[in-house]
Amino acid sequence: MKNDRGSLLLAGVATGIIWAATMLCACHARADLHPLVIVPGSGGNQLEARLTREYKSSSLLCSRLFPPVRDRDGWFRLWFEPSVLLAPFTQCFADRMSLYYDPGSDDYCNAPGVETRVNRFGSTESLLHLDPYLKQVTAYMATLVKSLQKVGYVDGKTLFGAPYDFRYGLAADGHPSRVGSKFLQDLKDLIEKATTSNKGKPVILLSHSLGGLFALQLLNRNSKSWLQRHIKHFIALSAPWGGAVDEVLTLASGNTLGVPLVDPLIVRGEQRSSESNLWLLPSPKVFDNEKPLVISPSANYTAHDIAQFLNDIGFPEGIRPYESRILPLVEGLALPEVPVTCVFGSDMETPEKLIYRSKAKGFDEQPEVVYGDGDGTVNMASLLALESLWKENRKQPFKVVTIPGVSHTSILKEEIALQEIVQEIVNIHADHVGSSYVQR
């Protein structure tokens, strides 16, 4: 329901008072804070790379001039490096970011000759800005972390970051997932360390976007006794539980994510190679299988037709990993046995249907987009997927907070969203979180 302007003003004043009180109370109670571990979304932390002798450059320009800066051991920042905005270097970036699925080993790996790593695991440092030299324009978690620090959280003591190689995903039981599984183990170890170093206090797990899918898998793959010892609460921000139509656009025609000067067709191959992008395709368990997500001159595609869609866009090599590794994973979506709060934006134009009109160009053009409700990136049906599961089994605390007018990424920056997030954390400390649906 929409509020009139006067109601919104009163609500803003009331929220501001609560926010000020929250800041004061939490600061005095900082010694008693439950440790908080942040799991970022896709592209939400810096990623470093190094080239070995096995690497074969796509051009002389790439081998000599990209990237412009490397350390003494050859490591350089692969994500995010602003020189990729220059057309000659976009292909260099795409080549080095690409993953390869090996049917023999049934797993994903880097391009030959490319080594990658995340920096400062356990700290929030690589989550704050994607480029430490362009902080203003590449800020990610900086504003949120600053808000948490204002209420008493300290990086490395009560506040921890879990950066990861977001190109990789996870796989269903019986399938290897070396990189993704190692991250889950590292995340589990970090949570245990945070609990131990904070006198046994269980952790508040805070995720954004794709990070919510990893966090959910961690929770559902561990025993109830482990959860009781180590997890106080799970807060998921903008989580795409059932994928997003925006991901269909990414795989079909490439997606520059709003970055200027980049040709989407140049990065499309790299985006198709990403295991996590397959994981983010619309789930047939969540999306209406009677409703087409893509309309083209040759065929229409629902969430049930993803395999055929992958074939028709010219990406048949994605079918096997999608059907065997990803589909059972998304169809097994389950509510974890811990208290959960989902916070996300709404009333933002979100891609709901893609229309391709040219048979000659096929998917090599940007489509006409029909919009629906969501947070600008993730559709409302996906954002609400865990709530649907909770309604079937209301045995645990579960809460949904929607914030109209806040987008998928601005939830980490806008004051109204930050107030909601920090207030929720304060409520958790006071054990005042119940099962409810709240719209701001």
Protein backbone atom coordinates (compact mmCIF):
# COMPACT_ATOMS: atom_id res chain seq x y z
CA MET A 1 0.00 0.00 0.00
CA LYS A 2 1.29 3.45 -0.92
CA ASN A 3 1.61 6.08 1.82
CA ASP A 4 0.74 9.72 1.22
CA ARG A 5 3.41 12.39 1.55
CA GLY A 6 2.39 13.40 5.08
CA SER A 7 2.49 9.83 6.36
CA LEU A 8 5.90 9.33 4.84
CA LEU A 9 7.18 12.47 6.58
CA LEU A 10 5.92 11.30 9.97
CA ALA A 11 7.33 7.84 9.38
CA GLY A 12 10.68 9.37 8.49
CA VAL A 13 10.78 11.44 11.68
CA ALA A 14 9.87 8.42 13.81
CA THR A 15 12.46 6.29 12.07
CA GLY A 16 15.10 8.96 12.65
CA ILE A 17 14.38 8.99 16.38
CA ILE A 18 14.61 5.20 16.56
CA TRP A 19 17.82 5.34 14.53
CA ALA A 20 19.42 7.83 16.93
CA ALA A 21 18.40 5.76 19.94
CA THR A 22 19.71 2.64 18.29
CA MET A 23 23.09 4.23 17.65
CA LEU A 24 23.40 5.33 21.27
CA CYS A 25 22.33 2.02 22.80
CA ALA A 26 24.43 -0.14 20.53
CA CYS A 27 27.56 1.94 21.07
CA HIS A 28 27.34 1.44 24.84
CA ALA A 29 26.79 -2.31 24.34
CA ARG A 30 29.64 -2.88 21.88
CA ALA A 31 31.45 -5.34 24.16
CA ASP A 32 28.39 -7.60 24.05
CA LEU A 33 27.89 -7.56 20.27
CA HIS A 34 27.33 -10.81 18.47
CA PRO A 35 30.05 -11.09 15.81
CA LEU A 36 28.85 -10.32 12.30
CA VAL A 37 30.10 -11.99 9.10
CA ILE A 38 29.35 -10.36 5.73
CA VAL A 39 29.07 -12.41 2.51
CA PRO A 40 29.02 -10.06 -0.53
CA GLY A 41 27.19 -10.48 -3.81
CA SER A 42 28.46 -11.23 -7.29
CA GLY A 43 31.20 -8.75 -8.18
CA GLY A 44 31.08 -7.44 -4.61
CA ASN A 45 34.73 -7.87 -3.74
CA GLN A 46 38.09 -7.37 -5.38
CA LEU A 47 39.53 -10.31 -7.30
CA GLU A 48 43.23 -10.65 -8.11
CA ALA A 49 44.92 -12.64 -10.88
CA ARG A 50 48.37 -13.75 -12.00
CA LEU A 51 49.45 -15.11 -15.38
CA THR A 52 51.70 -18.16 -15.74
CA ARG A 53 53.72 -19.40 -18.72
CA GLU A 54 50.71 -21.41 -19.87
CA TYR A 55 48.74 -18.27 -20.58
CA LYS A 56 48.30 -17.43 -24.27
CA SER A 57 47.34 -13.81 -24.79
CA SER A 58 44.68 -12.95 -27.35
CA SER A 59 46.78 -10.02 -28.56
CA LEU A 60 50.19 -8.39 -28.16
CA LEU A 61 48.44 -5.37 -26.66
CA CYS A 62 46.97 -7.53 -23.90
CA SER A 63 50.25 -9.20 -23.01
CA ARG A 64 52.22 -5.94 -22.77
CA LEU A 65 49.81 -3.26 -21.58
CA PHE A 66 47.02 -4.98 -19.62
CA PRO A 67 46.87 -4.69 -16.72
CA PRO A 68 48.79 -1.44 -16.23
CA VAL A 69 49.95 -2.32 -12.67
CA ARG A 70 51.25 -5.59 -11.17
CA ASP A 71 53.04 -6.33 -7.92
CA ARG A 72 56.48 -7.93 -7.64
CA ASP A 73 54.98 -11.43 -7.75
CA GLY A 74 52.92 -10.69 -10.83
CA TRP A 75 49.54 -10.30 -9.10
CA PHE A 76 47.17 -7.63 -10.38
CA ARG A 77 43.58 -6.60 -9.69
CA LEU A 78 41.38 -8.35 -12.23
CA TRP A 79 38.13 -7.07 -10.73
CA PHE A 80 37.60 -4.21 -10.81
CA GLU A 81 40.19 -2.65 -13.11
CA PRO A 82 38.93 0.57 -14.82
CA SER A 83 41.06 0.09 -17.93
CA VAL A 84 38.57 -2.58 -19.05
CA LEU A 85 36.32 0.31 -20.09
CA LEU A 86 38.71 0.97 -22.99
CA ALA A 87 37.63 -1.11 -25.97
CA PRO A 88 41.05 -2.69 -26.71
CA PHE A 89 41.27 -4.02 -23.15
CA THR A 90 37.70 -5.29 -22.78
CA GLN A 91 38.53 -8.50 -24.64
CA CYS A 92 41.68 -8.97 -22.53
CA PHE A 93 39.54 -8.75 -19.41
CA ALA A 94 36.92 -11.14 -20.80
CA ASP A 95 39.56 -13.73 -21.73
CA ARG A 96 41.08 -13.72 -18.26
CA MET A 97 37.75 -13.72 -16.40
CA SER A 98 36.36 -16.66 -18.37
CA LEU A 99 35.82 -20.05 -16.75
CA TYR A 100 35.88 -23.42 -18.47
CA TYR A 101 33.64 -26.37 -17.75
CA ASP A 102 35.47 -29.68 -18.09
CA PRO A 103 32.97 -32.47 -18.86
CA GLY A 104 35.56 -35.07 -17.86
CA SER A 105 36.04 -33.79 -14.33
CA ASP A 106 32.51 -32.32 -14.19
CA ASP A 107 33.82 -29.09 -12.70
CA TYR A 108 34.83 -25.54 -13.57
CA CYS A 109 38.32 -24.06 -13.75
CA ASN A 110 40.12 -20.87 -14.75
CA ALA A 111 41.37 -20.14 -18.24
CA PRO A 112 44.73 -21.88 -18.90
CA GLY A 113 47.58 -19.92 -17.36
CA VAL A 114 45.35 -17.75 -15.14
CA GLU A 115 45.57 -17.99 -11.35
CA THR A 116 43.09 -16.07 -9.19
CA ARG A 117 42.75 -15.26 -5.50
CA VAL A 118 40.74 -13.10 -3.13
CA ASN A 119 42.51 -10.63 -0.92
CA ARG A 120 42.30 -10.36 2.88
CA PHE A 121 39.74 -13.05 3.61
CA GLY A 122 38.21 -12.41 7.03
CA SER A 123 38.37 -8.62 6.66
CA THR A 124 35.84 -6.29 5.07
CA GLU A 125 38.66 -4.42 3.31
CA SER A 126 38.16 -5.82 -0.21
CA LEU A 127 34.37 -5.38 0.08
CA LEU A 128 34.46 -1.65 0.70
CA HIS A 129 35.55 -0.45 -2.75
CA LEU A 130 36.13 -2.45 -5.93
CA ASP A 131 38.99 -0.11 -6.81
CA PRO A 132 40.81 1.38 -3.78
CA TYR A 133 42.02 4.28 -5.95
CA LEU A 134 38.53 5.18 -7.20
CA LYS A 135 36.64 4.90 -3.94
CA GLN A 136 33.88 7.34 -4.81
CA VAL A 137 32.72 5.60 -7.97
CA THR A 138 33.44 1.97 -6.99
CA ALA A 139 32.10 1.95 -3.43
CA TYR A 140 30.22 -1.24 -2.54
CA MET A 141 30.00 -2.12 1.16
CA ALA A 142 31.77 1.03 2.41
CA THR A 143 28.65 2.87 3.59
CA LEU A 144 27.12 -0.19 5.24
CA VAL A 145 30.35 -1.08 7.01
CA LYS A 146 30.70 2.50 8.23
CA SER A 147 27.18 2.28 9.69
CA LEU A 148 28.08 -0.94 11.47
CA GLN A 149 31.26 0.59 12.84
CA LYS A 150 29.26 3.52 14.22
CA VAL A 151 27.28 1.12 16.39
CA GLY A 152 30.39 -0.54 17.74
CA TYR A 153 31.52 -3.17 15.26
CA VAL A 154 35.27 -3.44 14.67
CA ASP A 155 36.80 -5.04 11.59
CA GLY A 156 38.68 -8.23 12.41
CA LYS A 157 37.29 -8.40 15.96
CA THR A 158 33.50 -8.38 15.81
CA LEU A 159 33.08 -7.66 12.08
CA PHE A 160 34.34 -10.02 9.38
CA GLY A 161 34.20 -10.18 5.59
CA ALA A 162 34.05 -13.31 3.45
CA PRO A 163 35.16 -12.34 -0.09
CA TYR A 164 35.17 -15.11 -2.70
CA ASP A 165 35.63 -15.83 -6.39
CA PHE A 166 32.07 -14.98 -7.40
CA ARG A 167 32.42 -16.50 -10.88
CA TYR A 168 32.16 -19.95 -9.35
CA GLY A 169 29.04 -21.47 -7.84
CA LEU A 170 28.06 -24.67 -6.12
CA ALA A 171 26.70 -27.95 -7.42
CA ALA A 172 24.09 -30.48 -6.37
CA ASP A 173 25.05 -33.57 -4.38
CA GLY A 174 27.26 -35.98 -6.28
CA HIS A 175 28.98 -33.31 -8.35
CA PRO A 176 32.36 -31.75 -7.55
CA SER A 177 32.63 -28.01 -6.97
CA ARG A 178 36.21 -27.48 -5.86
CA VAL A 179 36.29 -23.68 -5.62
CA GLY A 180 32.76 -23.18 -4.33
CA SER A 181 33.06 -25.97 -1.76
CA LYS A 182 36.36 -24.59 -0.51
CA PHE A 183 34.72 -21.21 0.00
CA LEU A 184 31.94 -22.81 2.04
CA GLN A 185 34.56 -24.50 4.22
CA ASP A 186 36.49 -21.24 4.59
CA LEU A 187 33.25 -19.46 5.52
CA LYS A 188 32.43 -22.14 8.09
CA ASP A 189 35.91 -21.83 9.58
CA LEU A 190 35.57 -18.04 9.73
CA ILE A 191 32.24 -18.31 11.54
CA GLU A 192 33.72 -20.73 14.08
CA LYS A 193 36.71 -18.44 14.58
CA ALA A 194 34.43 -15.42 15.07
CA THR A 195 32.38 -17.32 17.66
CA THR A 196 35.45 -18.55 19.55
CA SER A 197 37.14 -15.14 19.61
CA ASN A 198 33.96 -13.53 20.93
CA LYS A 199 33.47 -15.72 24.02
CA GLY A 200 31.24 -18.23 22.30
CA LYS A 201 28.67 -15.75 20.98
CA PRO A 202 27.00 -17.10 17.82
CA VAL A 203 27.34 -15.13 14.60
CA ILE A 204 24.91 -12.89 12.75
CA LEU A 205 25.35 -13.85 9.10
CA LEU A 206 24.67 -10.91 6.75
CA SER A 207 24.62 -11.47 3.00
CA HIS A 208 23.92 -9.47 -0.12
CA SER A 209 22.52 -10.84 -3.39
CA LEU A 210 24.40 -13.98 -4.58
CA GLY A 211 26.04 -14.17 -1.16
CA GLY A 212 22.64 -15.18 0.20
CA LEU A 213 22.62 -18.32 -1.95
CA PHE A 214 26.04 -19.35 -0.65
CA ALA A 215 25.03 -18.57 2.94
CA LEU A 216 21.81 -20.57 2.58
CA GLN A 217 23.74 -23.58 1.27
CA LEU A 218 26.16 -23.35 4.19
CA LEU A 219 23.30 -23.33 6.68
CA ASN A 220 21.45 -26.19 5.02
CA ARG A 221 24.58 -28.34 4.71
CA ASN A 222 25.45 -28.28 8.41
CA SER A 223 23.92 -29.99 11.42
CA LYS A 224 21.34 -28.46 13.70
CA SER A 225 23.76 -28.67 16.62
CA TRP A 226 26.41 -26.72 14.67
CA LEU A 227 23.83 -24.06 13.75
CA GLN A 228 22.72 -23.71 17.37
CA ARG A 229 26.31 -23.15 18.52
CA HIS A 230 27.44 -20.81 15.78
CA ILE A 231 24.50 -18.97 14.12
CA LYS A 232 22.43 -16.39 15.95
CA HIS A 233 20.54 -15.06 12.91
CA PHE A 234 20.68 -14.88 9.13
CA ILE A 235 19.95 -11.53 7.45
CA ALA A 236 19.68 -11.72 3.66
CA LEU A 237 19.71 -8.50 1.64
CA SER A 238 18.30 -8.55 -1.91
CA ALA A 239 18.69 -12.33 -2.18
CA PRO A 240 17.76 -13.86 -5.58
CA TRP A 241 16.45 -17.12 -4.10
CA GLY A 242 14.90 -18.17 -7.40
CA GLY A 243 17.14 -16.34 -9.85
CA ALA A 244 16.22 -13.35 -12.01
CA VAL A 245 15.06 -12.57 -15.54
CA ASP A 246 17.93 -10.08 -15.71
CA GLU A 247 20.24 -13.11 -15.84
CA VAL A 248 18.43 -14.35 -18.94
CA LEU A 249 19.36 -11.09 -20.65
CA THR A 250 22.98 -11.51 -19.54
CA LEU A 251 23.34 -14.94 -21.13
CA ALA A 252 21.33 -14.15 -24.24
CA SER A 253 22.75 -10.81 -25.30
CA GLY A 254 25.42 -9.79 -22.81
CA ASN A 255 24.97 -7.28 -20.00
CA THR A 256 27.19 -4.28 -19.35
CA LEU A 257 25.50 -3.72 -15.95
CA GLY A 258 25.25 -0.04 -16.78
CA VAL A 259 28.99 0.36 -17.40
CA PRO A 260 29.45 2.82 -20.30
CA LEU A 261 31.48 2.24 -23.47
CA VAL A 262 31.48 -1.57 -23.13
CA ASP A 263 30.05 -3.67 -25.98
CA PRO A 264 27.80 -6.33 -24.37
CA LEU A 265 28.64 -8.85 -27.08
CA ILE A 266 32.34 -8.72 -26.17
CA VAL A 267 31.67 -9.70 -22.56
CA ARG A 268 28.83 -12.13 -23.36
CA GLY A 269 31.11 -15.14 -23.78
CA GLU A 270 32.77 -14.51 -20.42
CA GLN A 271 29.39 -14.02 -18.75
CA ARG A 272 28.13 -17.29 -20.21
CA SER A 273 31.18 -19.08 -18.85
CA SER A 274 30.41 -18.04 -15.26
CA GLU A 275 29.08 -20.92 -13.19
CA SER A 276 27.29 -18.56 -10.80
CA ASN A 277 25.40 -16.97 -13.70
CA LEU A 278 23.82 -20.34 -14.47
CA TRP A 279 22.87 -20.56 -10.80
CA LEU A 280 21.06 -17.21 -11.09
CA LEU A 281 18.78 -18.19 -13.98
CA PRO A 282 15.03 -18.15 -13.16
CA SER A 283 14.09 -21.26 -11.20
CA PRO A 284 11.13 -23.33 -12.46
CA LYS A 285 10.26 -23.86 -8.79
CA VAL A 286 9.76 -20.11 -8.25
CA PHE A 287 8.70 -18.64 -11.60
CA ASP A 288 5.36 -19.37 -13.29
CA ASN A 289 6.03 -22.03 -15.89
CA GLU A 290 3.06 -20.87 -17.95
CA LYS A 291 4.40 -17.34 -18.28
CA PRO A 292 7.02 -16.71 -20.99
CA LEU A 293 10.17 -14.93 -19.89
CA VAL A 294 11.51 -14.57 -23.44
CA ILE A 295 9.56 -14.02 -26.64
CA SER A 296 11.37 -14.38 -29.97
CA PRO A 297 10.32 -14.89 -33.61
CA SER A 298 11.27 -18.56 -33.34
CA ALA A 299 10.06 -19.59 -29.88
CA ASN A 300 8.89 -18.49 -26.46
CA TYR A 301 10.66 -19.64 -23.29
CA THR A 302 9.42 -20.09 -19.73
CA ALA A 303 11.51 -20.95 -16.67
CA HIS A 304 10.82 -24.58 -17.56
CA ASP A 305 12.48 -24.14 -20.97
CA ILE A 306 15.92 -22.95 -19.87
CA ALA A 307 17.79 -25.88 -21.44
CA GLN A 308 16.18 -25.21 -24.82
CA PHE A 309 16.85 -21.51 -24.39
CA LEU A 310 20.57 -22.15 -23.76
CA ASN A 311 20.74 -24.19 -26.94
CA ASP A 312 18.91 -21.61 -29.04
CA ILE A 313 21.06 -18.66 -27.94
CA GLY A 314 24.14 -20.59 -29.09
CA PHE A 315 25.28 -21.85 -25.70
CA PRO A 316 24.62 -25.61 -25.85
CA GLU A 317 27.69 -26.35 -23.69
CA GLY A 318 25.80 -24.78 -20.79
CA ILE A 319 23.01 -27.37 -20.90
CA ARG A 320 24.78 -30.26 -19.18
CA PRO A 321 26.07 -28.30 -16.16
CA TYR A 322 22.73 -26.52 -15.86
CA GLU A 323 20.65 -29.70 -15.88
CA SER A 324 22.95 -31.87 -13.78
CA ARG A 325 24.63 -29.44 -11.37
CA ILE A 326 22.37 -26.38 -11.07
CA LEU A 327 18.77 -27.49 -11.56
CA PRO A 328 18.72 -30.00 -8.65
CA LEU A 329 20.35 -27.35 -6.49
CA VAL A 330 17.66 -24.71 -7.13
CA GLU A 331 14.82 -27.22 -6.97
CA GLY A 332 16.07 -28.21 -3.51
CA LEU A 333 15.58 -24.68 -2.13
CA ALA A 334 14.81 -25.01 1.59
CA LEU A 335 14.41 -22.72 4.59
CA PRO A 336 17.36 -23.06 7.01
CA GLU A 337 16.86 -24.04 10.66
CA VAL A 338 17.88 -20.62 11.97
CA PRO A 339 16.00 -17.33 12.44
CA VAL A 340 15.87 -15.48 9.09
CA THR A 341 15.21 -11.89 8.05
CA CYS A 342 14.92 -10.99 4.37
CA VAL A 343 15.35 -7.31 3.53
CA PHE A 344 14.89 -6.01 -0.01
CA GLY A 345 13.65 -3.15 -2.12
CA SER A 346 10.43 -3.03 -4.11
CA ASP A 347 8.46 -0.87 -6.55
CA MET A 348 11.46 -0.68 -8.87
CA GLU A 349 11.14 -1.44 -12.59
CA THR A 350 12.57 -4.94 -12.90
CA PRO A 351 12.99 -6.94 -16.15
CA GLU A 352 10.13 -9.44 -16.34
CA LYS A 353 9.96 -10.31 -20.01
CA LEU A 354 12.37 -9.95 -22.94
CA ILE A 355 11.10 -9.49 -26.49
CA TYR A 356 13.35 -10.14 -29.50
CA ARG A 357 11.75 -9.03 -32.78
CA SER A 358 14.46 -9.56 -35.41
CA LYS A 359 14.88 -13.10 -36.69
CA ALA A 360 17.99 -12.05 -38.61
CA LYS A 361 19.80 -10.61 -35.57
CA GLY A 362 18.49 -13.24 -33.18
CA PHE A 363 19.94 -12.71 -29.71
CA ASP A 364 22.81 -10.51 -30.93
CA GLU A 365 20.85 -7.39 -30.04
CA GLN A 366 19.47 -5.88 -26.87
CA PRO A 367 15.79 -6.81 -26.52
CA GLU A 368 12.71 -4.79 -25.72
CA VAL A 369 12.20 -5.17 -21.97
CA VAL A 370 8.84 -5.47 -20.23
CA TYR A 371 9.11 -4.53 -16.58
CA GLY A 372 7.41 -5.75 -13.42
CA ASP A 373 7.88 -5.39 -9.67
CA GLY A 374 11.14 -6.14 -7.89
CA ASP A 375 14.27 -4.34 -6.75
CA GLY A 376 15.42 -3.36 -10.23
CA THR A 377 17.45 -6.54 -10.66
CA VAL A 378 15.64 -9.39 -8.89
CA ASN A 379 11.96 -10.14 -9.49
CA MET A 380 9.52 -10.05 -6.58
CA ALA A 381 8.66 -13.76 -6.90
CA SER A 382 12.33 -14.60 -6.35
CA LEU A 383 12.80 -12.17 -3.46
CA LEU A 384 9.77 -13.70 -1.71
CA ALA A 385 10.64 -17.35 -2.39
CA LEU A 386 11.74 -18.17 1.17
CA GLU A 387 8.61 -16.56 2.58
CA SER A 388 6.53 -18.93 0.46
CA LEU A 389 8.39 -21.87 2.00
CA TRP A 390 7.97 -20.42 5.50
CA LYS A 391 4.19 -20.15 5.07
CA GLU A 392 4.09 -23.91 4.65
CA ASN A 393 6.01 -24.51 7.89
CA ARG A 394 5.92 -21.71 10.48
CA LYS A 395 8.09 -23.35 13.12
CA GLN A 396 10.83 -20.73 13.26
CA PRO A 397 11.26 -16.95 13.40
CA PHE A 398 11.03 -15.47 9.93
CA LYS A 399 10.65 -11.87 8.87
CA VAL A 400 10.40 -9.97 5.58
CA VAL A 401 11.13 -6.25 5.37
CA THR A 402 10.42 -4.49 2.07
CA ILE A 403 11.61 -0.96 1.40
CA PRO A 404 9.78 0.65 -1.55
CA GLY A 405 11.96 2.67 -3.88
CA VAL A 406 15.25 1.07 -2.84
CA SER A 407 17.15 -0.83 -5.52
CA HIS A 408 19.23 -4.01 -5.48
CA THR A 409 22.48 -2.18 -4.80
CA SER A 410 21.29 1.06 -3.19
CA ILE A 411 20.09 -1.04 -0.24
CA LEU A 412 23.75 -0.93 0.85
CA LYS A 413 23.92 2.87 0.70
CA GLU A 414 20.60 4.64 1.22
CA GLU A 415 19.96 5.88 4.74
CA ILE A 416 16.46 4.43 5.04
CA ALA A 417 17.81 0.98 4.18
CA LEU A 418 20.80 1.28 6.48
CA GLN A 419 18.48 2.25 9.32
CA GLU A 420 16.39 -0.87 8.74
CA ILE A 421 19.43 -3.14 8.61
CA VAL A 422 21.07 -1.77 11.76
CA GLN A 423 17.74 -1.70 13.60
CA GLU A 424 17.26 -5.36 12.74
CA ILE A 425 20.70 -6.16 14.16
CA VAL A 426 19.82 -4.30 17.36
CA ASN A 427 16.53 -6.23 17.56
CA ILE A 428 18.44 -9.49 17.22
CA HIS A 429 20.64 -8.58 20.17
CA ALA A 430 17.52 -7.84 22.17
CA ASP A 431 15.77 -11.00 20.86
CA HIS A 432 12.91 -8.85 19.60
CA VAL A 433 12.67 -10.45 16.15
CA GLY A 434 9.48 -12.36 15.47
CA SER A 435 7.71 -13.79 12.45
CA SER A 436 6.26 -10.95 10.44
CA TYR A 437 6.00 -9.08 7.18
CA VAL A 438 6.92 -5.40 7.29
CA GLN A 439 6.62 -2.85 4.49
CA ARG A 440 8.23 0.55 4.94
